[in-house]
Amino acid sequence: MKDVFSALAALRRPRLLIRAARIGALEYRRAVHLRRHLGCDALPGSGAAVVQLMEIEAEIEERRRTAAAGYSAARHIDVLIALMGEARLMQATRPVAAVR
């Protein structure tokens, strides 16, 4: 899981996209948003969902960088919202290290 958190921390996206996604993440609903992006009935765990969402987001980011005609800022933000929401869930459910 540490690798996933490192990969998330290393993401660099335009400030406007991140700001919009942070606002949207406040209203994140896993059952609705995740199902829409992954297209599955049984939702995966947060770790697996983050990995899948990162792959989807990387493809969208490539379209943005190359100014491809199929790029949608709204879809990019929506995927970032789901990615942020799942990362928060994953962080909230990870075990806390024992205090000595």
PDB file of N, CA and C in Angstrom:
ATOM      1  N   MET A   1       0.819  -1.194   0.000  1.00  0.00           N
ATOM      2  CA  MET A   1       0.000   0.000   0.000  1.00  0.00           C
ATOM      3  C   MET A   1       0.855   1.247   0.000  1.00  0.00           C
ATOM      4  N   LYS A   2       2.031   1.132   0.580  1.00  0.00           N
ATOM      5  CA  LYS A   2       2.892   2.288   0.626  1.00  0.00           C
ATOM      6  C   LYS A   2       3.245   2.757  -0.782  1.00  0.00           C
ATOM      7  N   ASP A   3       3.427   1.816  -1.701  1.00  0.00           N
ATOM      8  CA  ASP A   3       3.736   2.186  -3.077  1.00  0.00           C
ATOM      9  C   ASP A   3       2.592   2.960  -3.711  1.00  0.00           C
ATOM     10  N   VAL A   4       1.368   2.602  -3.392  1.00  0.00           N
ATOM     11  CA  VAL A   4       0.205   3.304  -3.929  1.00  0.00           C
ATOM     12  C   VAL A   4       0.178   4.731  -3.408  1.00  0.00           C
ATOM     13  N   PHE A   5       0.433   4.907  -2.114  1.00  0.00           N
ATOM     14  CA  PHE A   5       0.444   6.252  -1.543  1.00  0.00           C
ATOM     15  C   PHE A   5       1.584   7.083  -2.127  1.00  0.00           C
ATOM     16  N   SER A   6       2.722   6.457  -2.384  1.00  0.00           N
ATOM     17  CA  SER A   6       3.844   7.169  -2.998  1.00  0.00           C
ATOM     18  C   SER A   6       3.494   7.599  -4.418  1.00  0.00           C
ATOM     19  N   ALA A   7       2.845   6.698  -5.149  1.00  0.00           N
ATOM     20  CA  ALA A   7       2.449   7.026  -6.520  1.00  0.00           C
ATOM     21  C   ALA A   7       1.425   8.162  -6.537  1.00  0.00           C
ATOM     22  N   LEU A   8       0.512   8.144  -5.594  1.00  0.00           N
ATOM     23  CA  LEU A   8      -0.481   9.223  -5.514  1.00  0.00           C
ATOM     24  C   LEU A   8       0.185  10.550  -5.170  1.00  0.00           C
ATOM     25  N   ALA A   9       1.129  10.518  -4.256  1.00  0.00           N
ATOM     26  CA  ALA A   9       1.827  11.741  -3.855  1.00  0.00           C
ATOM     27  C   ALA A   9       2.662  12.306  -4.998  1.00  0.00           C
ATOM     28  N   ALA A  10       3.108  11.435  -5.904  1.00  0.00           N
ATOM     29  CA  ALA A  10       3.953  11.868  -7.009  1.00  0.00           C
ATOM     30  C   ALA A  10       3.159  12.436  -8.189  1.00  0.00           C
ATOM     31  N   LEU A  11       1.835  12.268  -8.179  1.00  0.00           N
ATOM     32  CA  LEU A  11       1.031  12.799  -9.288  1.00  0.00           C
ATOM     33  C   LEU A  11       1.133  14.314  -9.334  1.00  0.00           C
ATOM     34  N   ARG A  12       1.364  14.844 -10.511  1.00  0.00           N
ATOM     35  CA  ARG A  12       1.408  16.289 -10.720  1.00  0.00           C
ATOM     36  C   ARG A  12       0.421  16.636 -11.827  1.00  0.00           C
ATOM     37  N   ARG A  13      -0.609  17.342 -11.444  1.00  0.00           N
ATOM     38  CA  ARG A  13      -1.654  17.741 -12.389  1.00  0.00           C
ATOM     39  C   ARG A  13      -1.897  19.239 -12.253  1.00  0.00           C
ATOM     40  N   PRO A  14      -2.517  19.852 -13.263  1.00  0.00           N
ATOM     41  CA  PRO A  14      -2.808  21.288 -13.179  1.00  0.00           C
ATOM     42  C   PRO A  14      -3.641  21.625 -11.938  1.00  0.00           C
ATOM     43  N   ARG A  15      -3.314  22.741 -11.351  1.00  0.00           N
ATOM     44  CA  ARG A  15      -3.943  23.173 -10.102  1.00  0.00           C
ATOM     45  C   ARG A  15      -5.467  23.244 -10.205  1.00  0.00           C
ATOM     46  N   LEU A  16      -5.972  23.711 -11.332  1.00  0.00           N
ATOM     47  CA  LEU A  16      -7.423  23.833 -11.500  1.00  0.00           C
ATOM     48  C   LEU A  16      -8.111  22.466 -11.465  1.00  0.00           C
ATOM     49  N   LEU A  17      -7.506  21.462 -12.088  1.00  0.00           N
ATOM     50  CA  LEU A  17      -8.077  20.107 -12.056  1.00  0.00           C
ATOM     51  C   LEU A  17      -8.118  19.582 -10.622  1.00  0.00           C
ATOM     52  N   ILE A  18      -7.032  19.767  -9.894  1.00  0.00           N
ATOM     53  CA  ILE A  18      -6.959  19.274  -8.514  1.00  0.00           C
ATOM     54  C   ILE A  18      -7.939  20.012  -7.620  1.00  0.00           C
ATOM     55  N   ARG A  19      -8.032  21.305  -7.784  1.00  0.00           N
ATOM     56  CA  ARG A  19      -8.962  22.088  -6.960  1.00  0.00           C
ATOM     57  C   ARG A  19     -10.401  21.640  -7.192  1.00  0.00           C
ATOM     58  N   ALA A  20     -10.773  21.459  -8.454  1.00  0.00           N
ATOM     59  CA  ALA A  20     -12.127  21.008  -8.778  1.00  0.00           C
ATOM     60  C   ALA A  20     -12.385  19.612  -8.212  1.00  0.00           C
ATOM     61  N   ALA A  21     -11.387  18.735  -8.322  1.00  0.00           N
ATOM     62  CA  ALA A  21     -11.544  17.368  -7.813  1.00  0.00           C
ATOM     63  C   ALA A  21     -11.665  17.357  -6.285  1.00  0.00           C
ATOM     64  N   ARG A  22     -10.923  18.199  -5.612  1.00  0.00           N
ATOM     65  CA  ARG A  22     -11.020  18.261  -4.143  1.00  0.00           C
ATOM     66  C   ARG A  22     -12.409  18.698  -3.709  1.00  0.00           C
ATOM     67  N   ILE A  23     -12.960  19.660  -4.407  1.00  0.00           N
ATOM     68  CA  ILE A  23     -14.319  20.116  -4.092  1.00  0.00           C
ATOM     69  C   ILE A  23     -15.312  18.982  -4.342  1.00  0.00           C
ATOM     70  N   GLY A  24     -15.172  18.314  -5.472  1.00  0.00           N
ATOM     71  CA  GLY A  24     -16.064  17.212  -5.807  1.00  0.00           C
ATOM     72  C   GLY A  24     -15.910  16.024  -4.884  1.00  0.00           C
ATOM     73  N   ALA A  25     -14.706  15.799  -4.366  1.00  0.00           N
ATOM     74  CA  ALA A  25     -14.454  14.647  -3.493  1.00  0.00           C
ATOM     75  C   ALA A  25     -15.252  14.734  -2.198  1.00  0.00           C
ATOM     76  N   LEU A  26     -15.671  15.921  -1.835  1.00  0.00           N
ATOM     77  CA  LEU A  26     -16.490  16.076  -0.631  1.00  0.00           C
ATOM     78  C   LEU A  26     -17.837  15.367  -0.787  1.00  0.00           C
ATOM     79  N   GLU A  27     -18.289  15.206  -2.007  1.00  0.00           N
ATOM     80  CA  GLU A  27     -19.572  14.557  -2.296  1.00  0.00           C
ATOM     81  C   GLU A  27     -19.400  13.154  -2.879  1.00  0.00           C
ATOM     82  N   TYR A  28     -18.215  12.578  -2.757  1.00  0.00           N
ATOM     83  CA  TYR A  28     -17.928  11.265  -3.336  1.00  0.00           C
ATOM     84  C   TYR A  28     -18.796  10.184  -2.712  1.00  0.00           C
ATOM     85  N   ARG A  29     -19.444   9.412  -3.570  1.00  0.00           N
ATOM     86  CA  ARG A  29     -20.258   8.272  -3.153  1.00  0.00           C
ATOM     87  C   ARG A  29     -19.740   7.047  -3.897  1.00  0.00           C
ATOM     88  N   ARG A  30     -19.113   6.167  -3.167  1.00  0.00           N
ATOM     89  CA  ARG A  30     -18.418   5.009  -3.736  1.00  0.00           C
ATOM     90  C   ARG A  30     -19.303   4.172  -4.657  1.00  0.00           C
ATOM     91  N   ALA A  31     -20.473   3.825  -4.187  1.00  0.00           N
ATOM     92  CA  ALA A  31     -21.351   2.938  -4.958  1.00  0.00           C
ATOM     93  C   ALA A  31     -21.728   3.543  -6.308  1.00  0.00           C
ATOM     94  N   VAL A  32     -21.880   4.831  -6.354  1.00  0.00           N
ATOM     95  CA  VAL A  32     -22.282   5.496  -7.597  1.00  0.00           C
ATOM     96  C   VAL A  32     -21.069   5.782  -8.479  1.00  0.00           C
ATOM     97  N   HIS A  33     -20.096   6.482  -7.948  1.00  0.00           N
ATOM     98  CA  HIS A  33     -18.957   6.927  -8.739  1.00  0.00           C
ATOM     99  C   HIS A  33     -18.063   5.781  -9.202  1.00  0.00           C
ATOM    100  N   LEU A  34     -17.724   4.901  -8.288  1.00  0.00           N
ATOM    101  CA  LEU A  34     -16.801   3.826  -8.634  1.00  0.00           C
ATOM    102  C   LEU A  34     -17.411   2.878  -9.660  1.00  0.00           C
ATOM    103  N   ARG A  35     -18.673   2.569  -9.478  1.00  0.00           N
ATOM    104  CA  ARG A  35     -19.355   1.674 -10.431  1.00  0.00           C
ATOM    105  C   ARG A  35     -19.343   2.289 -11.835  1.00  0.00           C
ATOM    106  N   ARG A  36     -19.517   3.602 -11.921  1.00  0.00           N
ATOM    107  CA  ARG A  36     -19.536   4.288 -13.216  1.00  0.00           C
ATOM    108  C   ARG A  36     -18.172   4.185 -13.905  1.00  0.00           C
ATOM    109  N   HIS A  37     -17.097   4.305 -13.154  1.00  0.00           N
ATOM    110  CA  HIS A  37     -15.768   4.307 -13.769  1.00  0.00           C
ATOM    111  C   HIS A  37     -15.218   2.919 -14.044  1.00  0.00           C
ATOM    112  N   LEU A  38     -15.522   1.979 -13.165  1.00  0.00           N
ATOM    113  CA  LEU A  38     -14.974   0.636 -13.327  1.00  0.00           C
ATOM    114  C   LEU A  38     -15.917  -0.293 -14.076  1.00  0.00           C
ATOM    115  N   GLY A  39     -17.189   0.070 -14.131  1.00  0.00           N
ATOM    116  CA  GLY A  39     -18.151  -0.732 -14.868  1.00  0.00           C
ATOM    117  C   GLY A  39     -18.317  -2.136 -14.316  1.00  0.00           C
ATOM    118  N   CYS A  40     -18.376  -2.261 -13.002  1.00  0.00           N
ATOM    119  CA  CYS A  40     -18.521  -3.585 -12.391  1.00  0.00           C
ATOM    120  C   CYS A  40     -19.653  -3.563 -11.374  1.00  0.00           C
ATOM    121  N   ASP A  41     -20.217  -4.740 -11.124  1.00  0.00           N
ATOM    122  CA  ASP A  41     -21.293  -4.842 -10.136  1.00  0.00           C
ATOM    123  C   ASP A  41     -20.726  -4.973  -8.725  1.00  0.00           C
ATOM    124  N   ALA A  42     -19.741  -5.850  -8.575  1.00  0.00           N
ATOM    125  CA  ALA A  42     -19.106  -6.039  -7.275  1.00  0.00           C
ATOM    126  C   ALA A  42     -17.920  -5.089  -7.176  1.00  0.00           C
ATOM    127  N   LEU A  43     -17.980  -4.191  -6.214  1.00  0.00           N
ATOM    128  CA  LEU A  43     -16.931  -3.194  -6.082  1.00  0.00           C
ATOM    129  C   LEU A  43     -15.678  -3.802  -5.450  1.00  0.00           C
ATOM    130  N   PRO A  44     -14.506  -3.490  -6.014  1.00  0.00           N
ATOM    131  CA  PRO A  44     -13.261  -4.004  -5.432  1.00  0.00           C
ATOM    132  C   PRO A  44     -12.911  -3.251  -4.160  1.00  0.00           C
ATOM    133  N   GLY A  45     -11.916  -3.736  -3.446  1.00  0.00           N
ATOM    134  CA  GLY A  45     -11.425  -3.025  -2.272  1.00  0.00           C
ATOM    135  C   GLY A  45     -10.804  -1.699  -2.691  1.00  0.00           C
ATOM    136  N   SER A  46     -10.598  -0.817  -1.741  1.00  0.00           N
ATOM    137  CA  SER A  46     -10.071   0.508  -2.052  1.00  0.00           C
ATOM    138  C   SER A  46      -8.704   0.456  -2.717  1.00  0.00           C
ATOM    139  N   GLY A  47      -7.834  -0.437  -2.265  1.00  0.00           N
ATOM    140  CA  GLY A  47      -6.500  -0.542  -2.859  1.00  0.00           C
ATOM    141  C   GLY A  47      -6.559  -0.914  -4.328  1.00  0.00           C
ATOM    142  N   ALA A  48      -7.349  -1.931  -4.641  1.00  0.00           N
ATOM    143  CA  ALA A  48      -7.498  -2.350  -6.036  1.00  0.00           C
ATOM    144  C   ALA A  48      -8.180  -1.270  -6.865  1.00  0.00           C
ATOM    145  N   ALA A  49      -9.149  -0.595  -6.277  1.00  0.00           N
ATOM    146  CA  ALA A  49      -9.851   0.480  -6.983  1.00  0.00           C
ATOM    147  C   ALA A  49      -8.903   1.627  -7.300  1.00  0.00           C
ATOM    148  N   VAL A  50      -8.038   1.975  -6.354  1.00  0.00           N
ATOM    149  CA  VAL A  50      -7.077   3.057  -6.584  1.00  0.00           C
ATOM    150  C   VAL A  50      -6.155   2.700  -7.742  1.00  0.00           C
ATOM    151  N   VAL A  51      -5.675   1.470  -7.781  1.00  0.00           N
ATOM    152  CA  VAL A  51      -4.780   1.047  -8.860  1.00  0.00           C
ATOM    153  C   VAL A  51      -5.497   1.154 -10.208  1.00  0.00           C
ATOM    154  N   GLN A  52      -6.733   0.668 -10.283  1.00  0.00           N
ATOM    155  CA  GLN A  52      -7.487   0.738 -11.536  1.00  0.00           C
ATOM    156  C   GLN A  52      -7.766   2.184 -11.934  1.00  0.00           C
ATOM    157  N   LEU A  53      -8.134   3.002 -10.968  1.00  0.00           N
ATOM    158  CA  LEU A  53      -8.409   4.409 -11.258  1.00  0.00           C
ATOM    159  C   LEU A  53      -7.154   5.147 -11.700  1.00  0.00           C
ATOM    160  N   MET A  54      -6.013   4.785 -11.139  1.00  0.00           N
ATOM    161  CA  MET A  54      -4.760   5.409 -11.558  1.00  0.00           C
ATOM    162  C   MET A  54      -4.441   5.074 -13.013  1.00  0.00           C
ATOM    163  N   GLU A  55      -4.752   3.858 -13.427  1.00  0.00           N
ATOM    164  CA  GLU A  55      -4.538   3.466 -14.822  1.00  0.00           C
ATOM    165  C   GLU A  55      -5.460   4.257 -15.749  1.00  0.00           C
ATOM    166  N   ILE A  56      -6.716   4.381 -15.359  1.00  0.00           N
ATOM    167  CA  ILE A  56      -7.687   5.152 -16.153  1.00  0.00           C
ATOM    168  C   ILE A  56      -7.251   6.610 -16.231  1.00  0.00           C
ATOM    169  N   GLU A  57      -6.845   7.166 -15.082  1.00  0.00           N
ATOM    170  CA  GLU A  57      -6.446   8.574 -15.045  1.00  0.00           C
ATOM    171  C   GLU A  57      -5.195   8.817 -15.881  1.00  0.00           C
ATOM    172  N   ALA A  58      -4.261   7.869 -15.888  1.00  0.00           N
ATOM    173  CA  ALA A  58      -3.039   8.016 -16.683  1.00  0.00           C
ATOM    174  C   ALA A  58      -3.366   8.104 -18.174  1.00  0.00           C
ATOM    175  N   GLU A  59      -4.332   7.299 -18.623  1.00  0.00           N
ATOM    176  CA  GLU A  59      -4.756   7.358 -20.026  1.00  0.00           C
ATOM    177  C   GLU A  59      -5.394   8.714 -20.343  1.00  0.00           C
ATOM    178  N   ILE A  60      -6.223   9.194 -19.440  1.00  0.00           N
ATOM    179  CA  ILE A  60      -6.879  10.494 -19.644  1.00  0.00           C
ATOM    180  C   ILE A  60      -5.830  11.603 -19.633  1.00  0.00           C
ATOM    181  N   GLU A  61      -4.861  11.516 -18.727  1.00  0.00           N
ATOM    182  CA  GLU A  61      -3.789  12.517 -18.648  1.00  0.00           C
ATOM    183  C   GLU A  61      -2.984  12.550 -19.939  1.00  0.00           C
ATOM    184  N   GLU A  62      -2.734  11.394 -20.509  1.00  0.00           N
ATOM    185  CA  GLU A  62      -2.008  11.337 -21.785  1.00  0.00           C
ATOM    186  C   GLU A  62      -2.802  12.055 -22.886  1.00  0.00           C
ATOM    187  N   ARG A  63      -4.108  11.858 -22.904  1.00  0.00           N
ATOM    188  CA  ARG A  63      -4.944  12.567 -23.881  1.00  0.00           C
ATOM    189  C   ARG A  63      -4.879  14.077 -23.670  1.00  0.00           C
ATOM    190  N   ARG A  64      -4.866  14.487 -22.390  1.00  0.00           N
ATOM    191  CA  ARG A  64      -4.787  15.918 -22.088  1.00  0.00           C
ATOM    192  C   ARG A  64      -3.468  16.500 -22.578  1.00  0.00           C
ATOM    193  N   ARG A  65      -2.377  15.802 -22.282  1.00  0.00           N
ATOM    194  CA  ARG A  65      -1.048  16.291 -22.656  1.00  0.00           C
ATOM    195  C   ARG A  65      -0.853  16.362 -24.160  1.00  0.00           C
ATOM    196  N   THR A  66      -1.468  15.458 -24.896  1.00  0.00           N
ATOM    197  CA  THR A  66      -1.314  15.447 -26.355  1.00  0.00           C
ATOM    198  C   THR A  66      -2.406  16.223 -27.062  1.00  0.00           C
ATOM    199  N   ALA A  67      -3.273  16.861 -26.277  1.00  0.00           N
ATOM    200  CA  ALA A  67      -4.392  17.649 -26.826  1.00  0.00           C
ATOM    201  C   ALA A  67      -5.242  16.818 -27.781  1.00  0.00           C
ATOM    202  N   ALA A  68      -5.509  15.570 -27.399  1.00  0.00           N
ATOM    203  CA  ALA A  68      -6.324  14.673 -28.209  1.00  0.00           C
ATOM    204  C   ALA A  68      -7.767  15.165 -28.251  1.00  0.00           C
ATOM    205  N   ALA A  69      -8.412  14.927 -29.368  1.00  0.00           N
ATOM    206  CA  ALA A  69      -9.782  15.396 -29.556  1.00  0.00           C
ATOM    207  C   ALA A  69     -10.753  14.747 -28.562  1.00  0.00           C
ATOM    208  N   GLY A  70     -10.461  13.556 -28.092  1.00  0.00           N
ATOM    209  CA  GLY A  70     -11.362  12.848 -27.187  1.00  0.00           C
ATOM    210  C   GLY A  70     -11.208  13.222 -25.724  1.00  0.00           C
ATOM    211  N   TYR A  71     -10.350  14.183 -25.413  1.00  0.00           N
ATOM    212  CA  TYR A  71     -10.135  14.553 -24.011  1.00  0.00           C
ATOM    213  C   TYR A  71     -11.343  15.305 -23.471  1.00  0.00           C
ATOM    214  N   SER A  72     -11.743  14.923 -22.247  1.00  0.00           N
ATOM    215  CA  SER A  72     -12.843  15.595 -21.564  1.00  0.00           C
ATOM    216  C   SER A  72     -12.366  16.000 -20.173  1.00  0.00           C
ATOM    217  N   ALA A  73     -12.317  17.300 -19.916  1.00  0.00           N
ATOM    218  CA  ALA A  73     -11.902  17.794 -18.602  1.00  0.00           C
ATOM    219  C   ALA A  73     -12.886  17.319 -17.534  1.00  0.00           C
ATOM    220  N   ALA A  74     -14.161  17.272 -17.867  1.00  0.00           N
ATOM    221  CA  ALA A  74     -15.172  16.828 -16.903  1.00  0.00           C
ATOM    222  C   ALA A  74     -14.929  15.373 -16.503  1.00  0.00           C
ATOM    223  N   ARG A  75     -14.630  14.525 -17.452  1.00  0.00           N
ATOM    224  CA  ARG A  75     -14.340  13.119 -17.138  1.00  0.00           C
ATOM    225  C   ARG A  75     -13.056  13.017 -16.325  1.00  0.00           C
ATOM    226  N   HIS A  76     -12.059  13.805 -16.682  1.00  0.00           N
ATOM    227  CA  HIS A  76     -10.792  13.790 -15.953  1.00  0.00           C
ATOM    228  C   HIS A  76     -11.033  14.162 -14.492  1.00  0.00           C
ATOM    229  N   ILE A  77     -11.794  15.197 -14.262  1.00  0.00           N
ATOM    230  CA  ILE A  77     -12.109  15.620 -12.893  1.00  0.00           C
ATOM    231  C   ILE A  77     -12.901  14.537 -12.173  1.00  0.00           C
ATOM    232  N   ASP A  78     -13.844  13.926 -12.863  1.00  0.00           N
ATOM    233  CA  ASP A  78     -14.662  12.876 -12.247  1.00  0.00           C
ATOM    234  C   ASP A  78     -13.807  11.686 -11.811  1.00  0.00           C
ATOM    235  N   VAL A  79     -12.848  11.307 -12.631  1.00  0.00           N
ATOM    236  CA  VAL A  79     -11.950  10.204 -12.265  1.00  0.00           C
ATOM    237  C   VAL A  79     -11.051  10.629 -11.106  1.00  0.00           C
ATOM    238  N   LEU A  80     -10.576  11.867 -11.117  1.00  0.00           N
ATOM    239  CA  LEU A  80      -9.758  12.354  -9.996  1.00  0.00           C
ATOM    240  C   LEU A  80     -10.558  12.389  -8.698  1.00  0.00           C
ATOM    241  N   ILE A  81     -11.839  12.728  -8.781  1.00  0.00           N
ATOM    242  CA  ILE A  81     -12.712  12.713  -7.602  1.00  0.00           C
ATOM    243  C   ILE A  81     -12.767  11.300  -7.022  1.00  0.00           C
ATOM    244  N   ALA A  82     -13.008  10.323  -7.892  1.00  0.00           N
ATOM    245  CA  ALA A  82     -13.073   8.931  -7.439  1.00  0.00           C
ATOM    246  C   ALA A  82     -11.728   8.484  -6.872  1.00  0.00           C
ATOM    247  N   LEU A  83     -10.649   8.882  -7.514  1.00  0.00           N
ATOM    248  CA  LEU A  83      -9.315   8.522  -7.045  1.00  0.00           C
ATOM    249  C   LEU A  83      -9.049   9.111  -5.660  1.00  0.00           C
ATOM    250  N   MET A  84      -9.397  10.366  -5.469  1.00  0.00           N
ATOM    251  CA  MET A  84      -9.216  10.997  -4.154  1.00  0.00           C
ATOM    252  C   MET A  84     -10.110  10.348  -3.099  1.00  0.00           C
ATOM    253  N   GLY A  85     -11.339  10.061  -3.469  1.00  0.00           N
ATOM    254  CA  GLY A  85     -12.263   9.428  -2.527  1.00  0.00           C
ATOM    255  C   GLY A  85     -11.786   8.060  -2.092  1.00  0.00           C
ATOM    256  N   GLU A  86     -11.317   7.269  -3.043  1.00  0.00           N
ATOM    257  CA  GLU A  86     -10.821   5.928  -2.712  1.00  0.00           C
ATOM    258  C   GLU A  86      -9.530   6.000  -1.898  1.00  0.00           C
ATOM    259  N   ALA A  87      -8.676   6.944  -2.211  1.00  0.00           N
ATOM    260  CA  ALA A  87      -7.434   7.101  -1.447  1.00  0.00           C
ATOM    261  C   ALA A  87      -7.752   7.473   0.001  1.00  0.00           C
ATOM    262  N   ARG A  88      -8.747   8.316   0.193  1.00  0.00           N
ATOM    263  CA  ARG A  88      -9.148   8.682   1.555  1.00  0.00           C
ATOM    264  C   ARG A  88      -9.706   7.471   2.300  1.00  0.00           C
ATOM    265  N   LEU A  89     -10.519   6.677   1.624  1.00  0.00           N
ATOM    266  CA  LEU A  89     -11.054   5.465   2.250  1.00  0.00           C
ATOM    267  C   LEU A  89      -9.941   4.489   2.593  1.00  0.00           C
ATOM    268  N   MET A  90      -9.005   4.343   1.684  1.00  0.00           N
ATOM    269  CA  MET A  90      -7.901   3.427   1.896  1.00  0.00           C
ATOM    270  C   MET A  90      -7.051   3.889   3.084  1.00  0.00           C
ATOM    271  N   GLN A  91      -6.809   5.172   3.161  1.00  0.00           N
ATOM    272  CA  GLN A  91      -6.008   5.710   4.262  1.00  0.00           C
ATOM    273  C   GLN A  91      -6.745   5.580   5.593  1.00  0.00           C
ATOM    274  N   ALA A  92      -8.060   5.788   5.558  1.00  0.00           N
ATOM    275  CA  ALA A  92      -8.847   5.701   6.795  1.00  0.00           C
ATOM    276  C   ALA A  92      -8.943   4.280   7.330  1.00  0.00           C
ATOM    277  N   THR A  93      -8.827   3.291   6.453  1.00  0.00           N
ATOM    278  CA  THR A  93      -8.987   1.902   6.890  1.00  0.00           C
ATOM    279  C   THR A  93      -7.666   1.183   7.070  1.00  0.00           C
ATOM    280  N   ARG A  94      -6.554   1.847   6.794  1.00  0.00           N
ATOM    281  CA  ARG A  94      -5.269   1.152   6.980  1.00  0.00           C
ATOM    282  C   ARG A  94      -4.954   1.063   8.464  1.00  0.00           C
ATOM    283  N   PRO A  95      -4.287  -0.004   8.851  1.00  0.00           N
ATOM    284  CA  PRO A  95      -3.972  -0.201  10.268  1.00  0.00           C
ATOM    285  C   PRO A  95      -3.026   0.881  10.791  1.00  0.00           C
ATOM    286  N   VAL A  96      -3.256   1.271  12.016  1.00  0.00           N
ATOM    287  CA  VAL A  96      -2.413   2.266  12.661  1.00  0.00           C
ATOM    288  C   VAL A  96      -1.253   1.541  13.320  1.00  0.00           C
ATOM    289  N   ALA A  97      -0.042   2.082  13.164  1.00  0.00           N
ATOM    290  CA  ALA A  97       1.135   1.477  13.778  1.00  0.00           C
ATOM    291  C   ALA A  97       1.033   1.550  15.298  1.00  0.00           C
ATOM    292  N   ALA A  98       1.466   0.503  15.950  1.00  0.00           N
ATOM    293  CA  ALA A  98       1.416   0.449  17.411  1.00  0.00           C
ATOM    294  C   ALA A  98       2.347   1.500  18.011  1.00  0.00           C
ATOM    295  N   VAL A  99       1.882   2.150  19.041  1.00  0.00           N
ATOM    296  CA  VAL A  99       2.671   3.156  19.739  1.00  0.00           C
ATOM    297  C   VAL A  99       3.480   2.463  20.824  1.00  0.00           C
ATOM    298  N   ARG A 100       4.737   2.769  20.905  1.00  0.00           N
ATOM    299  CA  ARG A 100       5.601   2.125  21.913  1.00  0.00           C
ATOM    300  C   ARG A 100       5.589   2.877  23.183  1.00  0.00           C
TER     301      ARG A 100
END
